[in-house]
Amino acid sequence: MADLIKAVEAKNNENIPQLSAGDTVSVHVKIKEGDRERIQEFKGMVIRLRNSGNNATVTVRRMASNGIGVERTFLLRSPRVDRIVVERHGKVRRAQLYYMRERTGKGARIKEKFS
């Protein structure tokens, strides 16, 4: 039974580091436009992380123009995710940072965790 599950499971992406909520990350995603393929960068803060094997996802939130927040959820084992780069680790005390949706300006800042 375990062999059958491993056969169906997608392989781990070695370009994805250890993530946690509050981290500022840069997600490099492969975008297909017609017959071309390019890599687009989505830079923001991790507000949610779900580690559930094949369905592991990370939700990243960034502020677009005019203060509009944009959230994208990425499958960590998807071949569309090229790599994830952690730019800074945030010091938070919660697993899901949904309260960041209502914050703007200085209130939306998170302290950096130095280790």
C-alpha atoms as a PDB file:
ATOM      1  CA  MET A   1       0.000   0.000   0.000  1.00  0.00           C
ATOM      2  CA  ALA A   2       2.839   2.409   0.840  1.00  0.00           C
ATOM      3  CA  ASP A   3       4.477   1.695  -2.524  1.00  0.00           C
ATOM      4  CA  LEU A   4       1.242   2.580  -4.296  1.00  0.00           C
ATOM      5  CA  ILE A   5       1.011   5.924  -2.481  1.00  0.00           C
ATOM      6  CA  LYS A   6       4.650   6.761  -3.291  1.00  0.00           C
ATOM      7  CA  ALA A   7       4.037   5.954  -6.968  1.00  0.00           C
ATOM      8  CA  VAL A   8       1.204   8.504  -7.170  1.00  0.00           C
ATOM      9  CA  GLU A   9       2.926  11.208  -5.099  1.00  0.00           C
ATOM     10  CA  ALA A  10       4.695  14.074  -6.874  1.00  0.00           C
ATOM     11  CA  LYS A  11       8.408  14.516  -6.289  1.00  0.00           C
ATOM     12  CA  ASN A  12       9.732  17.132  -3.875  1.00  0.00           C
ATOM     13  CA  ASN A  13      11.097  20.342  -5.358  1.00  0.00           C
ATOM     14  CA  GLU A  14      14.641  20.826  -4.066  1.00  0.00           C
ATOM     15  CA  ASN A  15      14.514  24.579  -4.817  1.00  0.00           C
ATOM     16  CA  ILE A  16      11.977  25.204  -2.036  1.00  0.00           C
ATOM     17  CA  PRO A  17      13.521  25.972   1.378  1.00  0.00           C
ATOM     18  CA  GLN A  18      11.989  25.624   4.832  1.00  0.00           C
ATOM     19  CA  LEU A  19       9.189  28.206   5.052  1.00  0.00           C
ATOM     20  CA  SER A  20       7.163  29.615   7.935  1.00  0.00           C
ATOM     21  CA  ALA A  21       4.437  32.217   8.361  1.00  0.00           C
ATOM     22  CA  GLY A  22       5.710  35.786   8.325  1.00  0.00           C
ATOM     23  CA  ASP A  23       8.581  35.133   5.924  1.00  0.00           C
ATOM     24  CA  THR A  24       9.061  37.525   3.025  1.00  0.00           C
ATOM     25  CA  VAL A  25       9.582  35.366  -0.032  1.00  0.00           C
ATOM     26  CA  SER A  26      10.034  35.650  -3.757  1.00  0.00           C
ATOM     27  CA  VAL A  27       8.206  32.913  -5.684  1.00  0.00           C
ATOM     28  CA  HIS A  28       9.427  32.323  -9.237  1.00  0.00           C
ATOM     29  CA  VAL A  29       6.530  30.922 -11.288  1.00  0.00           C
ATOM     30  CA  LYS A  30       6.598  29.619 -14.851  1.00  0.00           C
ATOM     31  CA  ILE A  31       4.018  31.451 -16.991  1.00  0.00           C
ATOM     32  CA  LYS A  32       2.999  30.148 -20.410  1.00  0.00           C
ATOM     33  CA  GLU A  33       2.080  32.784 -22.999  1.00  0.00           C
ATOM     34  CA  GLY A  34       1.184  31.231 -26.330  1.00  0.00           C
ATOM     35  CA  ASP A  35       4.114  29.037 -27.302  1.00  0.00           C
ATOM     36  CA  ARG A  36       6.631  30.847 -25.059  1.00  0.00           C
ATOM     37  CA  GLU A  37       7.342  30.208 -21.401  1.00  0.00           C
ATOM     38  CA  ARG A  38       8.808  32.767 -19.032  1.00  0.00           C
ATOM     39  CA  ILE A  39       9.421  33.093 -15.288  1.00  0.00           C
ATOM     40  CA  GLN A  40       7.460  35.663 -13.306  1.00  0.00           C
ATOM     41  CA  GLU A  41       8.412  36.720  -9.801  1.00  0.00           C
ATOM     42  CA  PHE A  42       5.743  37.119  -7.092  1.00  0.00           C
ATOM     43  CA  LYS A  43       7.202  38.819  -4.021  1.00  0.00           C
ATOM     44  CA  GLY A  44       5.295  39.019  -0.750  1.00  0.00           C
ATOM     45  CA  MET A  45       4.707  37.702   2.762  1.00  0.00           C
ATOM     46  CA  VAL A  46       3.730  34.144   3.643  1.00  0.00           C
ATOM     47  CA  ILE A  47       0.415  34.354   5.483  1.00  0.00           C
ATOM     48  CA  ARG A  48      -0.535  30.671   5.394  1.00  0.00           C
ATOM     49  CA  LEU A  49       1.315  27.393   5.062  1.00  0.00           C
ATOM     50  CA  ARG A  50      -0.280  23.972   4.709  1.00  0.00           C
ATOM     51  CA  ASN A  51       2.058  20.998   4.841  1.00  0.00           C
ATOM     52  CA  SER A  52      -0.083  18.084   3.775  1.00  0.00           C
ATOM     53  CA  GLY A  53       2.149  15.956   1.595  1.00  0.00           C
ATOM     54  CA  ASN A  54       1.172  16.106  -2.054  1.00  0.00           C
ATOM     55  CA  ASN A  55      -1.256  18.989  -1.454  1.00  0.00           C
ATOM     56  CA  ALA A  56       1.192  21.249   0.418  1.00  0.00           C
ATOM     57  CA  THR A  57       0.413  24.892  -0.346  1.00  0.00           C
ATOM     58  CA  VAL A  58       1.716  28.310   0.585  1.00  0.00           C
ATOM     59  CA  THR A  59      -0.333  31.528   0.386  1.00  0.00           C
ATOM     60  CA  VAL A  60       1.657  34.672  -0.344  1.00  0.00           C
ATOM     61  CA  ARG A  61       0.257  38.192   0.006  1.00  0.00           C
ATOM     62  CA  ARG A  62       1.691  41.321  -1.551  1.00  0.00           C
ATOM     63  CA  MET A  63       0.567  44.914  -1.868  1.00  0.00           C
ATOM     64  CA  ALA A  64      -0.114  45.921  -5.472  1.00  0.00           C
ATOM     65  CA  SER A  65      -0.593  49.458  -6.745  1.00  0.00           C
ATOM     66  CA  ASN A  66      -2.971  51.806  -4.895  1.00  0.00           C
ATOM     67  CA  GLY A  67      -2.748  49.703  -1.724  1.00  0.00           C
ATOM     68  CA  ILE A  68      -4.674  46.749  -3.138  1.00  0.00           C
ATOM     69  CA  GLY A  69      -3.657  43.439  -1.587  1.00  0.00           C
ATOM     70  CA  VAL A  70      -3.134  40.444  -3.860  1.00  0.00           C
ATOM     71  CA  GLU A  71      -2.954  36.870  -2.546  1.00  0.00           C
ATOM     72  CA  ARG A  72      -1.843  33.832  -4.486  1.00  0.00           C
ATOM     73  CA  THR A  73      -1.771  30.235  -3.361  1.00  0.00           C
ATOM     74  CA  PHE A  74       0.977  28.039  -4.783  1.00  0.00           C
ATOM     75  CA  LEU A  75       1.210  24.248  -4.741  1.00  0.00           C
ATOM     76  CA  LEU A  76       4.684  23.472  -3.440  1.00  0.00           C
ATOM     77  CA  ARG A  77       5.043  20.307  -5.513  1.00  0.00           C
ATOM     78  CA  SER A  78       3.801  21.891  -8.728  1.00  0.00           C
ATOM     79  CA  PRO A  79       6.134  21.914 -11.734  1.00  0.00           C
ATOM     80  CA  ARG A  80       4.996  25.516 -12.352  1.00  0.00           C
ATOM     81  CA  VAL A  81       6.858  26.724  -9.233  1.00  0.00           C
ATOM     82  CA  ASP A  82      10.465  27.118 -10.346  1.00  0.00           C
ATOM     83  CA  ARG A  83      11.932  28.156  -6.990  1.00  0.00           C
ATOM     84  CA  ILE A  84      11.237  30.080  -3.799  1.00  0.00           C
ATOM     85  CA  VAL A  85      13.771  32.483  -2.295  1.00  0.00           C
ATOM     86  CA  VAL A  86      13.401  33.560   1.362  1.00  0.00           C
ATOM     87  CA  GLU A  87      14.434  37.205   1.659  1.00  0.00           C
ATOM     88  CA  ARG A  88      13.783  37.643   5.389  1.00  0.00           C
ATOM     89  CA  HIS A  89      12.330  35.623   8.246  1.00  0.00           C
ATOM     90  CA  GLY A  90       9.512  37.263  10.175  1.00  0.00           C
ATOM     91  CA  LYS A  91       9.003  37.030  13.911  1.00  0.00           C
ATOM     92  CA  VAL A  92       5.345  36.049  14.423  1.00  0.00           C
ATOM     93  CA  ARG A  93       3.409  34.121  17.034  1.00  0.00           C
ATOM     94  CA  ARG A  94       0.638  32.689  14.869  1.00  0.00           C
ATOM     95  CA  ALA A  95       0.418  30.040  12.207  1.00  0.00           C
ATOM     96  CA  GLN A  96      -1.994  31.911   9.906  1.00  0.00           C
ATOM     97  CA  LEU A  97      -1.658  35.670   9.510  1.00  0.00           C
ATOM     98  CA  TYR A  98      -5.151  36.517   8.305  1.00  0.00           C
ATOM     99  CA  TYR A  99      -5.127  39.695  10.406  1.00  0.00           C
ATOM    100  CA  MET A 100      -2.622  41.166   7.938  1.00  0.00           C
ATOM    101  CA  ARG A 101      -5.476  41.612   5.438  1.00  0.00           C
ATOM    102  CA  GLU A 102      -6.851  44.556   7.412  1.00  0.00           C
ATOM    103  CA  ARG A 103      -3.446  46.158   8.085  1.00  0.00           C
ATOM    104  CA  THR A 104      -1.900  48.876   5.936  1.00  0.00           C
ATOM    105  CA  GLY A 105       1.175  51.080   6.212  1.00  0.00           C
ATOM    106  CA  LYS A 106       3.236  50.798   9.383  1.00  0.00           C
ATOM    107  CA  GLY A 107       0.731  48.412  10.945  1.00  0.00           C
ATOM    108  CA  ALA A 108       1.465  45.862   8.239  1.00  0.00           C
ATOM    109  CA  ARG A 109       5.128  45.519   9.188  1.00  0.00           C
ATOM    110  CA  ILE A 110       6.532  42.438  10.902  1.00  0.00           C
ATOM    111  CA  LYS A 111       9.776  42.382  12.877  1.00  0.00           C
ATOM    112  CA  GLU A 112      12.643  40.395  11.456  1.00  0.00           C
ATOM    113  CA  LYS A 113      13.799  37.255  13.228  1.00  0.00           C
ATOM    114  CA  PHE A 114      17.570  37.038  13.593  1.00  0.00           C
ATOM    115  CA  SER A 115      19.017  33.646  14.347  1.00  0.00           C
END
